[in-house]
C-alpha atoms as a PDB file:
ATOM      1  CA  MET A   1      35.766  -8.080  44.247  1.00  0.00           C
ATOM      2  CA  PRO A   2      32.678  -6.601  44.317  1.00  0.00           C
ATOM      3  CA  THR A   3      29.640  -7.273  46.289  1.00  0.00           C
ATOM      4  CA  LEU A   4      26.367  -8.611  45.340  1.00  0.00           C
ATOM      5  CA  GLU A   5      25.096  -4.234  46.014  1.00  0.00           C
ATOM      6  CA  GLU A   6      27.970  -2.660  44.313  1.00  0.00           C
ATOM      7  CA  PHE A   7      27.265  -5.031  41.278  1.00  0.00           C
ATOM      8  CA  GLN A   8      23.598  -4.582  40.915  1.00  0.00           C
ATOM      9  CA  LYS A   9      24.535  -0.523  41.019  1.00  0.00           C
ATOM     10  CA  LYS A  10      27.147  -0.736  38.435  1.00  0.00           C
ATOM     11  CA  ASP A  11      24.681  -3.389  36.599  1.00  0.00           C
ATOM     12  CA  HIS A  12      21.847  -0.100  37.063  1.00  0.00           C
ATOM     13  CA  SER A  13      23.846   2.291  35.799  1.00  0.00           C
ATOM     14  CA  MET A  14      24.896   1.301  33.093  1.00  0.00           C
ATOM     15  CA  LYS A  15      23.942   2.617  29.397  1.00  0.00           C
ATOM     16  CA  GLN A  16      21.554   1.194  27.593  1.00  0.00           C
ATOM     17  CA  PRO A  17      21.033   0.871  24.024  1.00  0.00           C
ATOM     18  CA  GLU A  18      19.231   3.369  21.874  1.00  0.00           C
ATOM     19  CA  ILE A  19      16.180   1.830  20.707  1.00  0.00           C
ATOM     20  CA  THR A  20      15.164   3.363  17.915  1.00  0.00           C
ATOM     21  CA  LYS A  21      11.208   3.398  18.092  1.00  0.00           C
ATOM     22  CA  ALA A  22       9.143   2.951  14.424  1.00  0.00           C
ATOM     23  CA  LYS A  23       6.874   6.081  13.284  1.00  0.00           C
ATOM     24  CA  ILE A  24       4.057   7.621  10.654  1.00  0.00           C
ATOM     25  CA  GLU A  25       4.603  10.302   9.960  1.00  0.00           C
ATOM     26  CA  ILE A  26       0.959  11.895   8.799  1.00  0.00           C
ATOM     27  CA  LEU A  27       1.906  14.528   5.780  1.00  0.00           C
ATOM     28  CA  ASP A  28       0.260  17.571   4.527  1.00  0.00           C
ATOM     29  CA  LYS A  29      -2.124  17.408   1.047  1.00  0.00           C
ATOM     30  CA  GLU A  30       0.393  17.630  -1.463  1.00  0.00           C
ATOM     31  CA  GLY A  31       2.111  14.651   0.159  1.00  0.00           C
ATOM     32  CA  GLU A  32       5.600  15.834   0.508  1.00  0.00           C
ATOM     33  CA  LYS A  33       5.779  17.965   4.153  1.00  0.00           C
ATOM     34  CA  LYS A  34       4.986  16.211   7.244  1.00  0.00           C
ATOM     35  CA  GLU A  35       2.790  17.909   9.438  1.00  0.00           C
ATOM     36  CA  ARG A  36       2.518  16.130  12.649  1.00  0.00           C
ATOM     37  CA  GLU A  37       3.379  11.889  13.701  1.00  0.00           C
ATOM     38  CA  ILE A  38       2.472   9.075  15.829  1.00  0.00           C
ATOM     39  CA  GLU A  39       5.545   7.407  17.492  1.00  0.00           C
ATOM     40  CA  VAL A  40       5.035   3.214  17.986  1.00  0.00           C
ATOM     41  CA  LEU A  41       4.546   1.740  21.525  1.00  0.00           C
ATOM     42  CA  PHE A  42       6.289  -0.908  20.223  1.00  0.00           C
ATOM     43  CA  ASN A  43       7.564  -1.646  17.288  1.00  0.00           C
ATOM     44  CA  PRO A  44       6.027  -4.213  14.948  1.00  0.00           C
ATOM     45  CA  ALA A  45       8.130  -8.396  15.646  1.00  0.00           C
ATOM     46  CA  GLN A  46       7.671  -8.574  11.814  1.00  0.00           C
ATOM     47  CA  TYR A  47       6.479  -6.578   8.503  1.00  0.00           C
ATOM     48  CA  THR A  48       5.493  -7.504   4.960  1.00  0.00           C
ATOM     49  CA  LEU A  49       6.555  -5.852   2.365  1.00  0.00           C
ATOM     50  CA  THR A  50       4.156  -7.231  -1.485  1.00  0.00           C
ATOM     51  CA  ALA A  51       5.411  -6.444  -4.729  1.00  0.00           C
ATOM     52  CA  SER A  52       3.334  -7.068  -7.891  1.00  0.00           C
ATOM     53  CA  SER A  53       2.156  -6.428 -11.600  1.00  0.00           C
ATOM     54  CA  GLY A  54      -0.847  -6.968 -13.424  1.00  0.00           C
ATOM     55  CA  TYR A  55      -1.555  -9.089 -16.811  1.00  0.00           C
ATOM     56  CA  SER A  56      -4.854 -10.042 -18.190  1.00  0.00           C
ATOM     57  CA  THR A  57      -5.363 -13.855 -20.024  1.00  0.00           C
ATOM     58  CA  PRO A  58      -8.025 -13.305 -22.238  1.00  0.00           C
ATOM     59  CA  SER A  59      -8.946 -16.522 -23.984  1.00  0.00           C
ATOM     60  CA  SER A  60      -8.577 -17.039 -27.868  1.00  0.00           C
ATOM     61  CA  PRO A  61     -10.840 -19.433 -29.746  1.00  0.00           C
ATOM     62  CA  ALA A  62      -7.070 -19.757 -32.285  1.00  0.00           C
ATOM     63  CA  SER A  63      -5.353 -20.962 -29.236  1.00  0.00           C
ATOM     64  CA  ASP A  64      -5.763 -23.741 -26.461  1.00  0.00           C
ATOM     65  CA  ALA A  65      -3.665 -21.555 -23.687  1.00  0.00           C
ATOM     66  CA  PRO A  66      -4.267 -17.494 -23.339  1.00  0.00           C
ATOM     67  CA  MET A  67      -2.612 -14.684 -23.800  1.00  0.00           C
ATOM     68  CA  VAL A  68      -0.160 -13.568 -21.397  1.00  0.00           C
ATOM     69  CA  THR A  69      -0.813  -9.296 -21.568  1.00  0.00           C
ATOM     70  CA  PHE A  70       0.862  -6.933 -18.759  1.00  0.00           C
ATOM     71  CA  THR A  71      -1.451  -4.699 -17.798  1.00  0.00           C
ATOM     72  CA  GLY A  72       0.323  -2.777 -15.844  1.00  0.00           C
ATOM     73  CA  GLY A  73       1.681  -1.881 -12.717  1.00  0.00           C
ATOM     74  CA  ARG A  74       0.441  -2.549  -9.467  1.00  0.00           C
ATOM     75  CA  ALA A  75       1.168  -0.481  -6.268  1.00  0.00           C
ATOM     76  CA  SER A  76       3.034  -2.180  -3.577  1.00  0.00           C
ATOM     77  CA  THR A  77       1.143  -2.619   0.331  1.00  0.00           C
ATOM     78  CA  LEU A  78       3.459  -2.406   3.538  1.00  0.00           C
ATOM     79  CA  SER A  79       1.261  -4.552   5.713  1.00  0.00           C
ATOM     80  CA  MET A  80       1.880  -5.231  10.341  1.00  0.00           C
ATOM     81  CA  GLU A  81       0.422  -6.063  13.558  1.00  0.00           C
ATOM     82  CA  LEU A  82       1.679  -2.815  16.493  1.00  0.00           C
ATOM     83  CA  PHE A  83       0.997  -3.880  19.780  1.00  0.00           C
ATOM     84  CA  PHE A  84      -0.615  -1.618  22.528  1.00  0.00           C
ATOM     85  CA  TYR A  85      -0.196  -2.366  25.793  1.00  0.00           C
ATOM     86  CA  THR A  86      -1.269   1.305  28.830  1.00  0.00           C
ATOM     87  CA  GLY A  87      -1.731  -1.642  31.877  1.00  0.00           C
ATOM     88  CA  PRO A  88       0.328  -0.803  35.077  1.00  0.00           C
ATOM     89  CA  ILE A  89       4.577  -1.922  34.808  1.00  0.00           C
ATOM     90  CA  GLN A  90       5.712  -3.022  37.262  1.00  0.00           C
ATOM     91  CA  THR A  91       9.001  -1.173  38.063  1.00  0.00           C
ATOM     92  CA  ALA A  92      12.600  -3.113  38.327  1.00  0.00           C
ATOM     93  CA  PHE A  93      14.188  -1.016  40.930  1.00  0.00           C
ATOM     94  CA  ALA A  94      12.065   0.457  42.729  1.00  0.00           C
ATOM     95  CA  ASN A  95       8.310  -0.561  44.642  1.00  0.00           C
ATOM     96  CA  GLY A  96       5.586   0.707  42.901  1.00  0.00           C
ATOM     97  CA  SER A  97       4.013   0.625  39.223  1.00  0.00           C
ATOM     98  CA  THR A  98       3.164   2.962  36.597  1.00  0.00           C
ATOM     99  CA  GLU A  99      -1.014   3.572  36.543  1.00  0.00           C
ATOM    100  CA  ALA A 100      -3.106   1.722  33.967  1.00  0.00           C
ATOM    101  CA  THR A 101      -4.783   4.294  31.171  1.00  0.00           C
ATOM    102  CA  ASP A 102      -7.766   3.728  28.008  1.00  0.00           C
ATOM    103  CA  VAL A 103      -5.039   2.110  25.366  1.00  0.00           C
ATOM    104  CA  SER A 104      -8.101   3.638  22.917  1.00  0.00           C
ATOM    105  CA  VAL A 105      -7.041   6.217  22.940  1.00  0.00           C
ATOM    106  CA  LYS A 106      -4.077   5.614  21.300  1.00  0.00           C
ATOM    107  CA  VAL A 107      -5.984   3.244  18.769  1.00  0.00           C
ATOM    108  CA  ARG A 108      -7.746   6.085  18.218  1.00  0.00           C
ATOM    109  CA  GLU A 109      -4.386   7.984  16.724  1.00  0.00           C
ATOM    110  CA  PHE A 110      -4.012   5.225  14.403  1.00  0.00           C
ATOM    111  CA  GLU A 111      -7.359   5.197  13.394  1.00  0.00           C
ATOM    112  CA  ARG A 112      -7.720   8.367  12.378  1.00  0.00           C
ATOM    113  CA  LEU A 113      -5.489   7.689   9.897  1.00  0.00           C
ATOM    114  CA  VAL A 114      -8.293   6.243   7.602  1.00  0.00           C
ATOM    115  CA  TYR A 115     -10.804   9.121   7.678  1.00  0.00           C
ATOM    116  CA  ILE A 116     -10.680  13.203   5.841  1.00  0.00           C
ATOM    117  CA  GLU A 117     -10.146  15.383   8.169  1.00  0.00           C
ATOM    118  CA  GLY A 118      -9.888  18.931   7.443  1.00  0.00           C
ATOM    119  CA  ASP A 119      -9.794  20.732   4.223  1.00  0.00           C
ATOM    120  CA  ARG A 120      -8.484  17.165   2.976  1.00  0.00           C
ATOM    121  CA  HIS A 121     -10.951  15.716   0.076  1.00  0.00           C
ATOM    122  CA  SER A 122      -9.465  12.105   1.003  1.00  0.00           C
ATOM    123  CA  PRO A 123      -7.724  10.777   4.097  1.00  0.00           C
ATOM    124  CA  PRO A 124      -3.789  11.079   4.493  1.00  0.00           C
ATOM    125  CA  VAL A 125      -1.167  10.163   3.140  1.00  0.00           C
ATOM    126  CA  VAL A 126       1.814   8.811   4.948  1.00  0.00           C
ATOM    127  CA  LYS A 127       4.945   7.842   5.300  1.00  0.00           C
ATOM    128  CA  PHE A 128       5.995   4.617   7.591  1.00  0.00           C
ATOM    129  CA  ILE A 129       9.583   5.289   9.271  1.00  0.00           C
ATOM    130  CA  TRP A 130      11.443   2.088  10.559  1.00  0.00           C
ATOM    131  CA  GLY A 131      15.229   1.331  10.134  1.00  0.00           C
ATOM    132  CA  SER A 132      16.100   1.394   6.190  1.00  0.00           C
ATOM    133  CA  LEU A 133      12.390   1.241   6.019  1.00  0.00           C
ATOM    134  CA  SER A 134      10.857   4.567   4.635  1.00  0.00           C
ATOM    135  CA  PHE A 135       7.075   3.312   3.674  1.00  0.00           C
ATOM    136  CA  LYS A 136       5.496   6.330   1.854  1.00  0.00           C
ATOM    137  CA  GLY A 137       1.380   5.279   0.460  1.00  0.00           C
ATOM    138  CA  VAL A 138      -1.874   5.648   2.493  1.00  0.00           C
ATOM    139  CA  VAL A 139      -3.973   4.183   4.442  1.00  0.00           C
ATOM    140  CA  THR A 140      -5.787   1.059   3.005  1.00  0.00           C
ATOM    141  CA  GLN A 141      -7.223  -0.893   6.259  1.00  0.00           C
ATOM    142  CA  LEU A 142      -6.581  -0.089   9.291  1.00  0.00           C
ATOM    143  CA  ARG A 143      -8.528  -3.213  12.144  1.00  0.00           C
ATOM    144  CA  SER A 144      -7.764  -3.808  16.404  1.00  0.00           C
ATOM    145  CA  ASN A 145      -8.239  -6.226  18.654  1.00  0.00           C
ATOM    146  CA  PHE A 146      -9.093  -5.375  22.292  1.00  0.00           C
ATOM    147  CA  THR A 147      -7.439  -7.979  24.228  1.00  0.00           C
ATOM    148  CA  LYS A 148      -6.962  -7.039  27.562  1.00  0.00           C
ATOM    149  CA  PHE A 149      -9.008  -4.804  29.848  1.00  0.00           C
ATOM    150  CA  ALA A 150      -9.322  -3.652  33.652  1.00  0.00           C
ATOM    151  CA  GLU A 151     -11.309  -4.224  36.527  1.00  0.00           C
ATOM    152  CA  ASP A 152     -13.739  -1.866  35.314  1.00  0.00           C
ATOM    153  CA  GLY A 153     -13.693  -2.855  32.229  1.00  0.00           C
ATOM    154  CA  MET A 154     -11.553   0.106  31.065  1.00  0.00           C
ATOM    155  CA  PRO A 155      -8.585  -1.498  27.550  1.00  0.00           C
ATOM    156  CA  ILE A 156      -5.367  -1.777  28.629  1.00  0.00           C
ATOM    157  CA  GLN A 157      -4.379  -4.125  25.877  1.00  0.00           C
ATOM    158  CA  ALA A 158      -4.686  -3.961  21.832  1.00  0.00           C
ATOM    159  CA  LYS A 159      -3.112  -5.298  18.712  1.00  0.00           C
ATOM    160  CA  VAL A 160      -3.514  -3.493  15.474  1.00  0.00           C
ATOM    161  CA  SER A 161      -3.204  -5.222  11.801  1.00  0.00           C
ATOM    162  CA  ILE A 162      -2.882  -1.704   9.400  1.00  0.00           C
ATOM    163  CA  SER A 163      -2.016  -1.702   6.272  1.00  0.00           C
ATOM    164  CA  LEU A 164      -0.846   0.506   3.838  1.00  0.00           C
ATOM    165  CA  MET A 165      -0.870   1.343   0.029  1.00  0.00           C
ATOM    166  CA  ASP A 166       1.912   3.232  -2.128  1.00  0.00           C
ATOM    167  CA  TYR A 167       1.784   6.276  -3.488  1.00  0.00           C
ATOM    168  CA  HIS A 168       3.166   7.883  -6.101  1.00  0.00           C
ATOM    169  CA  LYS A 169       1.362  11.638  -7.258  1.00  0.00           C
ATOM    170  CA  GLN A 170       0.028  10.764 -11.189  1.00  0.00           C
ATOM    171  CA  LYS A 171       2.091  13.720 -12.751  1.00  0.00           C
ATOM    172  CA  ASP A 172       5.393  12.080 -11.553  1.00  0.00           C
ATOM    173  CA  GLU A 173       4.280   9.209 -12.952  1.00  0.00           C
ATOM    174  CA  LYS A 174       2.167   9.797 -16.266  1.00  0.00           C
ATOM    175  CA  ARG A 175       4.025   8.779 -18.888  1.00  0.00           C
ATOM    176  CA  LYS A 176       4.333  10.980 -22.609  1.00  0.00           C
ATOM    177  CA  SER A 177       1.809   8.341 -23.836  1.00  0.00           C
ATOM    178  CA  PRO A 178       0.394   6.011 -21.020  1.00  0.00           C
ATOM    179  CA  PHE A 179       0.692   2.933 -23.737  1.00  0.00           C
ATOM    180  CA  GLU A 180       3.632   4.459 -25.340  1.00  0.00           C
ATOM    181  CA  SER A 181       6.633   1.256 -25.295  1.00  0.00           C
ATOM    182  CA  PRO A 182       8.912   0.162 -28.333  1.00  0.00           C
ATOM    183  CA  ASP A 183       7.766  -3.921 -27.963  1.00  0.00           C
ATOM    184  CA  ARG A 184       3.483  -2.971 -27.126  1.00  0.00           C
ATOM    185  CA  THR A 185       2.894  -4.147 -30.774  1.00  0.00           C
ATOM    186  CA  LYS A 186       0.697  -7.714 -30.701  1.00  0.00           C
ATOM    187  CA  CYS A 187      -1.894  -8.908 -31.627  1.00  0.00           C
ATOM    188  CA  ARG A 188      -6.005  -9.712 -32.099  1.00  0.00           C
ATOM    189  CA  MET A 189      -9.109 -11.994 -33.179  1.00  0.00           C
ATOM    190  CA  ILE A 190     -11.790  -9.709 -34.630  1.00  0.00           C
ATOM    191  CA  ARG A 191     -15.006 -11.658 -32.838  1.00  0.00           C
ATOM    192  CA  GLU A 192     -18.421 -10.886 -33.033  1.00  0.00           C
ATOM    193  CA  ASP A 193     -18.302 -10.135 -28.934  1.00  0.00           C
ATOM    194  CA  TYR A 194     -15.298  -8.045 -29.966  1.00  0.00           C
ATOM    195  CA  SER A 195     -14.826  -5.297 -32.771  1.00  0.00           C
ATOM    196  CA  ILE A 196     -11.570  -3.123 -33.938  1.00  0.00           C
ATOM    197  CA  TRP A 197     -14.001  -0.591 -31.442  1.00  0.00           C
ATOM    198  CA  ASP A 198     -13.513  -2.595 -28.226  1.00  0.00           C
ATOM    199  CA  MET A 199      -9.692  -3.016 -29.430  1.00  0.00           C
ATOM    200  CA  ALA A 200      -9.348   0.731 -29.504  1.00  0.00           C
ATOM    201  CA  LYS A 201     -10.837   0.905 -26.359  1.00  0.00           C
ATOM    202  CA  SER A 202      -9.413  -1.917 -24.034  1.00  0.00           C
ATOM    203  CA  GLU A 203      -6.118  -1.315 -25.323  1.00  0.00           C
ATOM    204  CA  TYR A 204      -5.511   2.545 -26.236  1.00  0.00           C
ATOM    205  CA  GLY A 205      -8.210   3.839 -23.342  1.00  0.00           C
ATOM    206  CA  ASP A 206     -10.297   5.648 -26.025  1.00  0.00           C
ATOM    207  CA  ILE A 207     -12.537   4.576 -29.024  1.00  0.00           C
ATOM    208  CA  SER A 208     -11.349   7.038 -31.262  1.00  0.00           C
ATOM    209  CA  LYS A 209      -8.272   5.275 -32.225  1.00  0.00           C
ATOM    210  CA  TRP A 210      -9.698   2.162 -34.186  1.00  0.00           C
ATOM    211  CA  LYS A 211      -8.480   4.374 -37.406  1.00  0.00           C
ATOM    212  CA  VAL A 212      -5.199   3.904 -35.439  1.00  0.00           C
ATOM    213  CA  ILE A 213      -5.445  -0.168 -35.669  1.00  0.00           C
ATOM    214  CA  ALA A 214      -7.246   0.439 -39.549  1.00  0.00           C
ATOM    215  CA  ARG A 215      -4.337   2.356 -40.839  1.00  0.00           C
ATOM    216  CA  ALA A 216      -1.749  -0.187 -39.111  1.00  0.00           C
ATOM    217  CA  ASN A 217      -3.614  -2.920 -41.209  1.00  0.00           C
ATOM    218  CA  ASN A 218      -5.113  -1.646 -44.229  1.00  0.00           C
ATOM    219  CA  ILE A 219      -8.759  -1.657 -42.923  1.00  0.00           C
ATOM    220  CA  SER A 220     -10.972   0.203 -45.705  1.00  0.00           C
ATOM    221  CA  ASN A 221     -14.111  -0.747 -44.211  1.00  0.00           C
ATOM    222  CA  PRO A 222     -14.622  -2.118 -40.685  1.00  0.00           C
ATOM    223  CA  LEU A 223     -17.374  -3.241 -40.728  1.00  0.00           C
ATOM    224  CA  GLU A 224     -16.747  -5.969 -43.222  1.00  0.00           C
ATOM    225  CA  ILE A 225     -14.070  -7.749 -40.749  1.00  0.00           C
ATOM    226  CA  PRO A 226     -15.308 -11.160 -41.077  1.00  0.00           C
ATOM    227  CA  PRO A 227     -14.831 -12.680 -37.397  1.00  0.00           C
ATOM    228  CA  GLY A 228     -12.101 -14.912 -37.095  1.00  0.00           C
ATOM    229  CA  THR A 229      -9.431 -11.915 -38.457  1.00  0.00           C
ATOM    230  CA  ILE A 230      -5.995 -11.119 -37.517  1.00  0.00           C
ATOM    231  CA  VAL A 231      -4.737  -7.680 -36.378  1.00  0.00           C
ATOM    232  CA  ARG A 232      -2.062  -6.317 -35.762  1.00  0.00           C
ATOM    233  CA  ILE A 233      -2.155  -3.783 -32.504  1.00  0.00           C
ATOM    234  CA  PRO A 234       0.630  -1.006 -33.434  1.00  0.00           C
ATOM    235  CA  ALA A 235       2.501   1.050 -30.689  1.00  0.00           C
ATOM    236  CA  LEU A 236       1.273   4.582 -30.172  1.00  0.00           C
END
């Protein structure tokens, strides 16, 4: 039977499972290739992914309930809280400890993700990678909370709340027509404050498209449409 000393030596020499550290890759100004990366000190305890769609609910005097209309997709978001500690740590099998360092140095690496740098005209596009999660986006908010200090006032512990918004190039996401959809035909009501020109601008993004609505509804003179008239908005 092994002695306690032999057991401790054997237990200490056993290979510990490797822990995969979460990291943030800073991409180039095209948002494609990795330029450098930042490794977190401690993996997050949890993270939150949020996905949503955009809808408008304009009210109508002809209906008891508002009409729900899809207005487009919205960017997904990723949020989490990261823990930072650079204070002294007692070693388990040796006499002594690590020395404390200023935790704000490490926090500033993350703060730079919301600032413009170099020849960029906006903060960098980043990719958060941990396990099966690979989230490409831009940092929209970063809040640092320093919670522990050395005797001389040097911060040695902090919590950083970080939020990222999903990023895609416009050329990759843009369709041939931004409103091209086989089921987009809908109806709208002419009001004193909502003319056929207003409809063209809100539905197609182009006021000159009022002629499309006029043709679809056999309207010869838009100025003669009485309020309360229901018109069809065709798909482009």
